[in-house]
Amino acid sequence: MSRTPRESIDGIVGQVMRRLLPFLLLMYVLAFLDRANIGFAQKALQHDTGISNAAFAFGAGVFFVGYALFEVPSNLLLHRVGARLWMCRIMVTWGIVSAAMSLAHSATAFYTLRFLLGIAEAGFFPGVIYYLTRWFPQAARGRAVGVFYFGAPLAFMFGSPLSGLLLDLHGVLGLAGWQWLFLIEGGLASIVGVWAFFYLDDRPDDATWLTPGARKTLSAALDDDARAAAAHGPRNIAAALVDRRVLLLSAIYLLIQMSVYGVIFYLPQQVAALMGESVGLRVGLVAAVPWICSLALTWIVPRRADRTGAHRSWAVALLVLAGCGIGVSGLAHSPLVALLALCCAASGFIAAQPLFWTFPTRYLTGAAAAGGIALINSLGSLGGFIAPTLRTSAEHAFQSTSAGLLLLGAASLFAALLIGTAVRLRTARETPAFPQPIHRVR
């Protein structure tokens, strides 16, 4: 008996997921480690270099300035030269700069290297999101991006104990623990970057690991999606960069990223305070717990959203969960309650993001998609610059360590409000992905 179109394309999508997503996931784990490992290095780095809390907050955030400035050009170059070459360049250069962080013995060096790290990594995340649109039809995109987002919790599940262990190498070969942290994690990124050049394919037509029939079927499904997106979206890069829907989504993503990085940069120190210990292996193991919870939710929710088409509703619910979790983590007096609240926060803002990225890909395609996705991520990533400084300022202004977390929780709730109102009218069209053939878009 012949297979139905849905069964056929589902099998091909499964094959593509097994081939590409584990490798892309590894890349994202390393990206997240190199972006956020200063949260583990903070105390030791400040002790050895004399960098103040305000200087650390500025240095943590200035990464996102360089990142934001070069996002769009980087993604347009990826569109032009292909993912395998450009992903190799991104990972090798960011690995080198991350390793050079071991030489940051002054505030000026710290600022400079963090800024350069942002430039080096610019284009990685939107590049992968754009790359996934070249391989996964719209009806499977939530699941695909959801698996890719496993990188964040996995980075903290395995990276938290690894970072703690590397810090415990203090004094080996005359190097401080925080220097080992940057050297080893940066070196791993460069190695995987070289591997990416030989492993990735730019498009389905280049995939010798797919049969000719599978390449043809997948390309046809992707072409159907591209035509549907082009029918009601901007037709070129310039139009995408000023499209009001793109700008709205940029603002929403900025609010989400404020919540994410306002928590991530300080999570090891927050857990250490709850445990009454300094950051090390034990704190790293406990700090991994929220990310284990987020893995479970990120596995379940995007799949359910793809089946029902309710991406917007789930995104709203998850961001409300994140906002409440962030706020409660700052108010709770019980370490257990605070840890449970952090589990809710991490689960909410990690699982919501794969759903968020299904919104722009409904009406962006081709070069417009490369530019529009990069702009959303670029402007949104400024939340990573704003959050540490805003959190520190709120804590000083109100003389309370809870004030900053309450403000970040409010940002997550406001993002949920915008998705629940403005996105309904301007972007998201929540149509069931199945039981229609996976390549069909209404």
Protein backbone atom coordinates (compact mmCIF):
# COMPACT_ATOMS: atom_id res chain seq x y z
CA MET A 1 0.00 0.00 0.00
CA SER A 2 1.38 3.42 -0.95
CA ARG A 3 2.26 5.91 1.71
CA THR A 4 0.24 9.06 2.16
CA PRO A 5 1.89 12.48 1.57
CA ARG A 6 1.85 13.19 5.29
CA GLU A 7 3.50 9.87 6.14
CA SER A 8 6.11 10.39 3.47
CA ILE A 9 7.11 13.88 4.51
CA ASP A 10 6.99 12.94 8.20
CA GLY A 11 9.54 10.21 7.60
CA ILE A 12 11.82 12.60 5.71
CA VAL A 13 11.52 15.25 8.42
CA GLY A 14 12.42 12.63 11.03
CA GLN A 15 15.51 11.69 9.05
CA VAL A 16 16.55 15.36 8.78
CA MET A 17 16.01 15.85 12.50
CA ARG A 18 18.23 12.90 13.34
CA ARG A 19 20.96 14.13 11.01
CA LEU A 20 21.06 17.87 11.74
CA LEU A 21 19.64 18.60 15.17
CA PRO A 22 22.14 16.74 17.37
CA PHE A 23 24.99 18.66 15.75
CA LEU A 24 23.19 22.01 15.87
CA LEU A 25 22.36 21.26 19.48
CA LEU A 26 26.04 20.69 20.27
CA MET A 27 26.86 24.03 18.66
CA TYR A 28 24.21 25.82 20.74
CA VAL A 29 25.42 24.21 23.97
CA LEU A 30 28.89 25.59 23.32
CA ALA A 31 27.48 29.00 22.35
CA PHE A 32 25.49 29.21 25.54
CA LEU A 33 28.44 28.11 27.66
CA ASP A 34 30.75 30.72 26.15
CA ARG A 35 28.08 33.40 26.47
CA ALA A 36 27.05 32.74 30.07
CA ASN A 37 30.09 31.19 31.75
CA ILE A 38 31.03 34.54 33.27
CA GLY A 39 28.20 33.85 35.72
CA PHE A 40 30.36 31.07 37.15
CA ALA A 41 33.60 33.01 36.85
CA GLN A 42 32.16 36.18 38.41
CA LYS A 43 33.38 36.01 42.00
CA ALA A 44 36.81 34.57 41.23
CA LEU A 45 37.30 36.94 38.29
CA GLN A 46 36.33 39.96 40.39
CA HIS A 47 38.56 38.82 43.26
CA ASP A 48 41.63 38.45 41.03
CA THR A 49 41.09 41.53 38.86
CA GLY A 50 39.34 43.98 41.19
CA ILE A 51 36.45 44.50 38.77
CA SER A 52 33.48 46.06 40.60
CA ASN A 53 29.89 44.79 40.50
CA ALA A 54 28.86 47.66 38.23
CA ALA A 55 31.80 47.00 35.89
CA PHE A 56 30.96 43.30 35.80
CA ALA A 57 27.32 44.06 34.95
CA PHE A 58 28.41 46.38 32.14
CA GLY A 59 30.91 43.85 30.79
CA ALA A 60 28.34 41.05 30.96
CA GLY A 61 25.93 43.14 28.93
CA VAL A 62 28.29 44.79 26.43
CA PHE A 63 28.57 41.43 24.66
CA PHE A 64 25.09 42.06 23.31
CA VAL A 65 25.99 45.45 21.85
CA GLY A 66 28.59 43.92 19.55
CA TYR A 67 26.24 41.02 18.93
CA ALA A 68 23.34 43.28 17.96
CA LEU A 69 25.40 45.54 15.67
CA PHE A 70 26.61 42.67 13.49
CA GLU A 71 23.60 40.33 13.53
CA VAL A 72 21.96 41.45 10.29
CA PRO A 73 25.16 41.68 8.19
CA SER A 74 26.27 38.29 9.47
CA ASN A 75 22.98 36.60 8.62
CA LEU A 76 22.91 38.14 5.16
CA LEU A 77 26.41 36.79 4.56
CA LEU A 78 25.24 33.35 5.72
CA HIS A 79 22.38 33.59 3.20
CA ARG A 80 24.91 34.44 0.50
CA VAL A 81 27.82 32.05 1.20
CA GLY A 82 25.98 29.17 2.91
CA ALA A 83 25.72 27.85 6.44
CA ARG A 84 28.62 25.39 6.45
CA LEU A 85 31.27 28.04 5.70
CA TRP A 86 29.76 30.82 7.79
CA MET A 87 28.99 28.67 10.85
CA CYS A 88 32.59 27.45 10.74
CA ARG A 89 33.85 31.06 10.73
CA ILE A 90 31.54 32.09 13.58
CA MET A 91 32.46 29.23 15.89
CA VAL A 92 36.21 29.34 15.30
CA THR A 93 36.45 33.07 15.94
CA TRP A 94 34.20 33.10 18.99
CA GLY A 95 36.12 30.19 20.47
CA ILE A 96 39.40 32.08 20.08
CA VAL A 97 37.98 35.24 21.68
CA SER A 98 36.35 33.27 24.49
CA ALA A 99 39.66 31.58 25.28
CA ALA A 100 41.33 35.00 25.29
CA MET A 101 39.02 35.97 28.16
CA SER A 102 41.57 34.15 30.33
CA LEU A 103 43.78 37.22 29.80
CA ALA A 104 41.19 39.74 31.04
CA HIS A 105 43.04 41.22 34.03
CA SER A 106 41.45 44.68 33.94
CA ALA A 107 38.03 46.21 33.42
CA THR A 108 39.09 47.61 30.03
CA ALA A 109 40.29 44.22 28.80
CA PHE A 110 37.11 42.61 30.14
CA TYR A 111 34.89 45.10 28.27
CA THR A 112 36.90 44.78 25.06
CA LEU A 113 36.89 41.00 24.95
CA ARG A 114 33.20 40.75 25.81
CA PHE A 115 32.41 43.21 23.01
CA LEU A 116 34.59 41.26 20.57
CA LEU A 117 32.93 38.01 21.66
CA GLY A 118 29.57 39.52 20.71
CA ILE A 119 30.91 40.48 17.27
CA ALA A 120 32.40 37.02 16.74
CA GLU A 121 29.21 35.20 17.72
CA ALA A 122 26.88 37.58 15.86
CA GLY A 123 24.69 35.72 13.42
CA PHE A 124 25.00 32.30 15.03
CA PHE A 125 21.57 32.04 16.60
CA PRO A 126 19.50 33.77 13.86
CA GLY A 127 21.62 31.89 11.36
CA VAL A 128 20.52 28.57 12.81
CA ILE A 129 16.87 29.68 12.97
CA TYR A 130 17.08 30.72 9.31
CA TYR A 131 18.93 27.49 8.45
CA LEU A 132 16.10 25.46 10.02
CA THR A 133 13.59 27.20 7.73
CA ARG A 134 15.61 25.83 4.80
CA TRP A 135 15.18 22.27 6.06
CA PHE A 136 11.91 22.02 8.02
CA PRO A 137 8.40 22.80 6.72
CA GLN A 138 6.27 25.17 8.79
CA ALA A 139 4.22 22.40 10.40
CA ALA A 140 7.36 20.76 11.83
CA ARG A 141 9.25 23.93 12.66
CA GLY A 142 8.09 24.27 16.27
CA ARG A 143 9.40 20.81 17.09
CA ALA A 144 12.67 21.42 15.28
CA VAL A 145 13.35 24.75 16.97
CA GLY A 146 12.25 23.20 20.26
CA VAL A 147 14.91 20.49 20.00
CA PHE A 148 17.49 23.13 19.11
CA TYR A 149 16.51 25.05 22.23
CA PHE A 150 17.53 22.05 24.29
CA GLY A 151 20.96 23.63 23.96
CA ALA A 152 20.26 26.17 26.70
CA PRO A 153 19.16 23.73 29.42
CA LEU A 154 21.74 21.14 28.36
CA ALA A 155 24.44 23.80 28.59
CA PHE A 156 23.50 24.37 32.19
CA MET A 157 22.79 20.74 33.07
CA PHE A 158 26.22 19.61 31.93
CA GLY A 159 27.93 22.96 31.72
CA SER A 160 27.11 23.97 35.28
CA PRO A 161 28.96 21.01 36.84
CA LEU A 162 31.71 21.33 34.18
CA SER A 163 32.17 25.03 34.91
CA GLY A 164 32.21 24.35 38.64
CA LEU A 165 34.77 21.58 38.14
CA LEU A 166 36.99 23.82 36.01
CA LEU A 167 36.86 26.50 38.69
CA ASP A 168 38.11 23.86 41.13
CA LEU A 169 41.27 23.53 38.97
CA HIS A 170 42.50 26.76 40.54
CA GLY A 171 46.29 26.75 40.77
CA VAL A 172 46.91 23.93 38.26
CA LEU A 173 49.84 24.92 36.01
CA GLY A 174 49.78 28.32 37.69
CA LEU A 175 46.39 29.30 36.23
CA ALA A 176 43.31 30.44 38.11
CA GLY A 177 40.16 28.36 37.88
CA TRP A 178 38.33 31.03 35.88
CA GLN A 179 41.18 31.02 33.34
CA TRP A 180 40.82 27.26 32.85
CA LEU A 181 37.08 27.82 32.40
CA PHE A 182 37.53 30.22 29.49
CA LEU A 183 40.42 28.36 27.86
CA ILE A 184 38.78 24.92 27.73
CA GLU A 185 35.25 25.99 26.82
CA GLY A 186 36.53 28.41 24.16
CA GLY A 187 38.81 25.78 22.66
CA LEU A 188 35.95 23.30 22.35
CA ALA A 189 33.93 25.84 20.32
CA SER A 190 36.73 26.32 17.78
CA ILE A 191 37.16 22.56 17.33
CA VAL A 192 33.44 22.03 16.67
CA GLY A 193 33.50 25.00 14.27
CA VAL A 194 36.02 23.21 12.03
CA TRP A 195 33.88 20.07 12.23
CA ALA A 196 30.81 22.08 11.11
CA PHE A 197 32.45 22.86 7.76
CA PHE A 198 32.66 19.17 6.91
CA TYR A 199 29.36 18.06 8.48
CA LEU A 200 26.68 20.57 7.46
CA ASP A 201 24.94 20.83 4.09
CA ASP A 202 23.60 24.18 2.91
CA ARG A 203 20.27 22.90 1.55
CA PRO A 204 18.32 19.67 0.91
CA ASP A 205 19.52 19.48 -2.69
CA ASP A 206 23.08 19.02 -1.36
CA ALA A 207 22.17 16.24 1.09
CA THR A 208 23.67 13.03 -0.27
CA TRP A 209 22.38 11.27 2.88
CA LEU A 210 18.81 11.72 1.53
CA THR A 211 17.48 9.74 -1.41
CA PRO A 212 16.75 11.72 -4.60
CA GLY A 213 13.04 11.22 -4.01
CA ALA A 214 13.28 12.48 -0.44
CA ARG A 215 15.21 15.56 -1.57
CA LYS A 216 12.55 16.30 -4.17
CA THR A 217 9.65 15.83 -1.74
CA LEU A 218 11.24 17.96 0.97
CA SER A 219 12.17 20.73 -1.46
CA ALA A 220 8.60 20.80 -2.79
CA ALA A 221 7.18 21.14 0.74
CA LEU A 222 9.60 23.96 1.54
CA ASP A 223 8.75 25.70 -1.74
CA ASP A 224 5.06 25.57 -0.84
CA ASP A 225 5.83 27.25 2.49
CA ALA A 226 7.98 29.88 0.81
CA ARG A 227 5.21 30.78 -1.65
CA ALA A 228 2.66 31.04 1.16
CA ALA A 229 4.99 33.28 3.20
CA ALA A 230 5.81 35.47 0.22
CA ALA A 231 2.10 36.02 -0.45
CA HIS A 232 1.56 37.99 2.79
CA GLY A 233 5.04 39.04 3.92
CA PRO A 234 7.75 41.55 2.90
CA ARG A 235 9.34 40.71 -0.42
CA ASN A 236 12.87 41.99 0.16
CA ILE A 237 15.39 42.76 2.89
CA ALA A 238 14.63 46.49 3.10
CA ALA A 239 10.90 45.86 3.50
CA ALA A 240 11.54 43.21 6.16
CA LEU A 241 13.70 45.54 8.24
CA VAL A 242 10.93 48.16 8.54
CA ASP A 243 7.96 45.78 8.65
CA ARG A 244 5.80 46.64 11.69
CA ARG A 245 5.31 42.97 12.53
CA VAL A 246 9.07 42.44 12.61
CA LEU A 247 9.52 45.48 14.87
CA LEU A 248 6.74 44.31 17.19
CA LEU A 249 8.31 40.88 17.49
CA SER A 250 11.68 42.52 18.12
CA ALA A 251 10.21 44.38 21.10
CA ILE A 252 8.63 41.20 22.45
CA TYR A 253 11.86 39.27 22.06
CA LEU A 254 13.76 42.03 23.87
CA LEU A 255 11.43 41.62 26.87
CA ILE A 256 11.90 37.84 26.82
CA GLN A 257 15.68 38.18 26.66
CA MET A 258 15.66 40.61 29.57
CA SER A 259 14.03 37.88 31.64
CA VAL A 260 16.37 35.17 30.35
CA TYR A 261 19.69 36.91 30.88
CA GLY A 262 18.68 38.76 34.01
CA VAL A 263 18.33 35.30 35.55
CA ILE A 264 21.10 33.39 33.75
CA PHE A 265 23.97 35.74 34.53
CA TYR A 266 23.22 35.59 38.25
CA LEU A 267 21.79 32.09 38.67
CA PRO A 268 24.99 30.46 39.99
CA GLN A 269 25.40 33.22 42.57
CA GLN A 270 21.71 33.07 43.49
CA VAL A 271 21.88 29.30 44.03
CA ALA A 272 25.12 29.69 45.98
CA ALA A 273 23.40 32.20 48.27
CA LEU A 274 20.47 29.82 48.78
CA MET A 275 22.88 27.02 49.71
CA GLY A 276 25.18 29.22 51.77
CA GLU A 277 28.21 28.07 49.76
CA SER A 278 30.67 29.47 47.24
CA VAL A 279 30.34 28.55 43.57
CA GLY A 280 31.88 25.16 42.84
CA LEU A 281 30.86 21.67 41.80
CA ARG A 282 28.06 21.30 44.41
CA VAL A 283 26.50 24.62 43.46
CA GLY A 284 26.90 23.72 39.79
CA LEU A 285 24.95 20.48 40.30
CA VAL A 286 22.07 22.25 42.06
CA ALA A 287 22.08 25.06 39.48
CA ALA A 288 21.46 22.39 36.82
CA VAL A 289 18.06 21.44 38.33
CA PRO A 290 16.01 24.28 36.73
CA TRP A 291 17.40 23.34 33.33
CA ILE A 292 16.38 19.71 33.74
CA CYS A 293 12.81 20.94 34.28
CA SER A 294 13.01 23.20 31.24
CA LEU A 295 14.14 20.27 29.09
CA ALA A 296 10.96 18.37 29.88
CA LEU A 297 8.67 21.28 29.07
CA THR A 298 10.57 22.19 25.89
CA TRP A 299 10.19 18.61 24.67
CA ILE A 300 6.45 18.43 25.33
CA VAL A 301 5.00 21.85 24.50
CA PRO A 302 6.30 22.58 20.96
CA ARG A 303 5.11 19.15 19.83
CA ARG A 304 1.68 19.75 21.23
CA ALA A 305 1.60 23.23 19.70
CA ASP A 306 2.55 21.84 16.28
CA ARG A 307 -0.27 19.31 16.49
CA THR A 308 -2.94 21.82 17.55
CA GLY A 309 -1.59 25.04 16.01
CA ALA A 310 -1.94 26.84 19.36
CA HIS A 311 1.56 28.32 19.36
CA ARG A 312 0.40 31.73 20.56
CA SER A 313 -1.67 30.46 23.48
CA TRP A 314 1.10 28.22 24.73
CA ALA A 315 3.66 31.03 24.42
CA VAL A 316 1.48 33.30 26.55
CA ALA A 317 1.01 30.64 29.23
CA LEU A 318 4.71 29.84 29.38
CA LEU A 319 5.77 33.48 29.69
CA VAL A 320 3.27 34.00 32.51
CA LEU A 321 4.80 30.96 34.23
CA ALA A 322 8.28 32.43 33.71
CA GLY A 323 7.32 35.87 35.02
CA CYS A 324 5.70 34.49 38.16
CA GLY A 325 8.64 32.14 38.74
CA ILE A 326 11.19 34.95 38.47
CA GLY A 327 9.25 37.15 40.90
CA VAL A 328 8.67 34.41 43.47
CA SER A 329 12.34 33.36 43.37
CA GLY A 330 13.24 36.82 44.66
CA LEU A 331 10.58 36.93 47.37
CA ALA A 332 10.72 33.39 48.75
CA HIS A 333 12.37 32.89 52.14
CA SER A 334 12.60 29.12 51.76
CA PRO A 335 15.51 27.86 49.61
CA LEU A 336 13.32 25.00 48.35
CA VAL A 337 10.51 27.37 47.28
CA ALA A 338 13.03 29.67 45.62
CA LEU A 339 14.56 26.75 43.72
CA LEU A 340 11.11 25.55 42.58
CA ALA A 341 10.35 29.10 41.42
CA LEU A 342 13.58 29.15 39.42
CA CYS A 343 12.52 25.84 37.85
CA CYS A 344 9.26 27.47 36.73
CA ALA A 345 11.12 30.53 35.44
CA ALA A 346 13.66 28.57 33.41
CA SER A 347 11.04 26.16 32.05
CA GLY A 348 8.77 29.01 31.01
CA PHE A 349 11.20 31.27 29.20
CA ILE A 350 13.09 28.43 27.50
CA ALA A 351 10.00 26.54 26.24
CA ALA A 352 8.30 29.76 25.08
CA GLN A 353 11.05 30.73 22.66
CA PRO A 354 10.68 27.92 20.07
CA LEU A 355 7.01 28.89 19.84
CA PHE A 356 7.93 32.55 19.44
CA TRP A 357 10.12 31.79 16.42
CA THR A 358 7.21 30.21 14.55
CA PHE A 359 5.61 33.67 14.32
CA PRO A 360 8.08 35.46 11.98
CA THR A 361 8.69 32.38 9.84
CA ARG A 362 4.99 32.40 8.87
CA TYR A 363 5.51 35.39 6.61
CA LEU A 364 9.28 35.76 6.07
CA THR A 365 11.14 33.82 3.40
CA GLY A 366 14.39 33.98 1.45
CA ALA A 367 16.66 36.99 2.00
CA ALA A 368 13.79 38.76 3.80
CA ALA A 369 13.77 35.90 6.31
CA ALA A 370 17.55 36.12 6.79
CA GLY A 371 17.35 39.86 7.43
CA GLY A 372 14.11 39.89 9.42
CA ILE A 373 15.06 37.02 11.74
CA ALA A 374 18.45 38.63 12.32
CA LEU A 375 16.86 41.99 13.14
CA ILE A 376 14.45 40.42 15.63
CA ASN A 377 17.28 38.59 17.34
CA SER A 378 19.57 41.62 17.11
CA LEU A 379 17.20 44.08 18.75
CA GLY A 380 15.90 41.43 21.11
CA SER A 381 19.39 40.49 22.25
CA LEU A 382 19.85 44.00 23.59
CA GLY A 383 17.75 42.68 26.46
CA GLY A 384 20.89 40.84 27.49
CA PHE A 385 22.66 44.19 27.72
CA ILE A 386 19.85 45.95 29.53
CA ALA A 387 18.98 43.22 32.04
CA PRO A 388 22.14 43.04 34.20
CA THR A 389 22.41 46.83 34.53
CA LEU A 390 18.66 47.22 35.12
CA ARG A 391 18.65 44.49 37.76
CA THR A 392 21.63 46.01 39.58
CA SER A 393 20.14 49.53 39.40
CA ALA A 394 16.78 48.36 40.76
CA GLU A 395 18.47 46.56 43.65
CA HIS A 396 20.44 49.67 44.55
CA ALA A 397 17.49 52.05 44.13
CA PHE A 398 15.14 50.01 46.34
CA GLN A 399 17.87 48.56 48.60
CA SER A 400 16.45 45.11 47.96
CA THR A 401 17.79 42.07 46.15
CA SER A 402 14.19 41.22 45.20
CA ALA A 403 13.52 44.44 43.29
CA GLY A 404 15.57 43.47 40.23
CA LEU A 405 13.93 40.06 39.94
CA LEU A 406 10.44 41.54 40.28
CA LEU A 407 11.23 43.95 37.45
CA LEU A 408 12.48 41.13 35.22
CA GLY A 409 9.39 39.07 36.04
CA ALA A 410 7.25 42.02 34.97
CA ALA A 411 9.10 42.13 31.63
CA SER A 412 8.15 38.50 30.99
CA LEU A 413 4.51 39.21 31.86
CA PHE A 414 4.45 42.22 29.52
CA ALA A 415 5.83 40.03 26.71
CA ALA A 416 2.97 37.58 27.36
CA LEU A 417 0.47 40.45 27.20
CA LEU A 418 1.81 41.64 23.84
CA ILE A 419 1.72 38.15 22.34
CA GLY A 420 -1.81 37.62 23.63
CA THR A 421 -3.08 40.87 22.11
CA ALA A 422 -0.97 42.44 19.36
CA VAL A 423 0.42 39.23 17.87
CA ARG A 424 -3.10 37.86 17.48
CA LEU A 425 -3.95 40.80 15.24
CA ARG A 426 -0.70 41.28 13.39
CA THR A 427 1.26 38.08 13.01
CA ALA A 428 0.18 34.73 14.32
CA ARG A 429 -2.43 32.72 12.52
CA GLU A 430 -2.92 29.68 14.73
CA THR A 431 -3.93 26.97 12.30
CA PRO A 432 -3.65 23.26 13.03
CA ALA A 433 -0.52 21.74 11.57
CA PHE A 434 -2.13 18.32 11.27
CA PRO A 435 -3.97 16.33 9.99
CA GLN A 436 -3.17 18.25 6.81
CA PRO A 437 -0.07 17.26 4.84
CA ILE A 438 2.91 18.79 6.53
CA HIS A 439 3.74 21.02 3.56
CA ARG A 440 0.36 22.71 3.47
CA VAL A 441 0.06 26.21 4.93
CA ARG A 442 -3.23 28.05 5.23
